[in-house]
Amino acid sequence: MFDLQRLAVFAAVADTMSFSLAAARLGVSTSHVSKQIGALEQELHARLLHRTTRSISLTEAGHIFHQRCKAILSDIASAEQEVLRRHESPQGLLRVTAPPNLANARLGDIVQDFMARYPDIQLELILSNRFFDLAEESIDIALRVVDEIPMNVYARRLCRVGWSLVGSPEYLKRRRLHDLDDLAKLDCLFDTAMSPRDLWLFRQTGENGQTREVQVAPRVRCGNSEWLRQCALRRMGVALLPDFMIEDDIAQKRLVRMLPGYQALPQKWLYGIYLPNRYLASKVRLFLDAVEHGLQQAA
């Protein structure tokens, strides 16, 4: 494998036909140029230059090698410029995986703005709750609500994800809920993805709020929070749902938050997870910036 520095030195000498001019172009000493040419000829087992006290000229081998050197150095310069352009102006394919419920509720406007701002990026969005091997699946970013960060990845906190107990105004007109004990009287819509047990956890608001575990008897069990949201909207009962899914419903008064004196647990974080890399691709950083900013604006 040739030393690229030696190739650059030889190309400069061949272009200028002068050791001193080549040294000046490269910002090195004439003796350094001479040593690099000598080492290169030794590697090739061929003389590249005819040297006299007054002039330098290329040998036949030198002519051939010079043409190849110029092509190699030109390709390297082009590759360097392409990488720099990609860093300065993000482009190329960005593969992102996100939970379907989060994507449907909150990512639409964020992605629209991001794609308009960076027209040279192509996005592939994989909607799934499955935990992927990022390297094996060639995924740039995984948006996930997790308790523990997987090993051998980096994770950036994007926003806090809270849960709220909600029901439709029509359903709650017929049933009053004054305290957690009254949950036994209601039709509970239970998300089995949150817990395999029929338990909801709450903490009283305030500095020294106590935590209470409530055993419920679900009328409906389902592992999909969007389906449970639809059940709540249809006046089928009360559900514990992620805030990002119900903010619009609350604003439009389709759903009502219950028990304001209690906070549903657990309060989690949405993370942007990506593979370790000394030089984080600008498209990854900018997408995470966009998601963080967009979710905070919507909060």
Foldseek 3Di string as FASTA:
>chain_A
DDDLVLLLLLLLCQVVQDLCRSCVVVVHDSVVSVVSQVVVCVVVVHHQWDDDPVTIHGDPVVVVSNVVSVVVVVVVVVVVVVQVCCQVQPAEEAEEEEAPLCCVLFCPVLVVVLCVVRVRYDYDYHHDQDDDPCVVVVHFKYKHWDPDDDPQWDKDFQDKKFKFKKAFPVLCVVPPDDDLVSLQVWAEEEACLVDVAQWWWKWFDDDPTDIDIDRYDHPHYYNDQVVVVVCRLVSNTIYIHIPSNCVVVVVVRSMDTPDPRITTDDITTIIIMGHDDPDRRNSSVVSSVSSSVRVVVVD
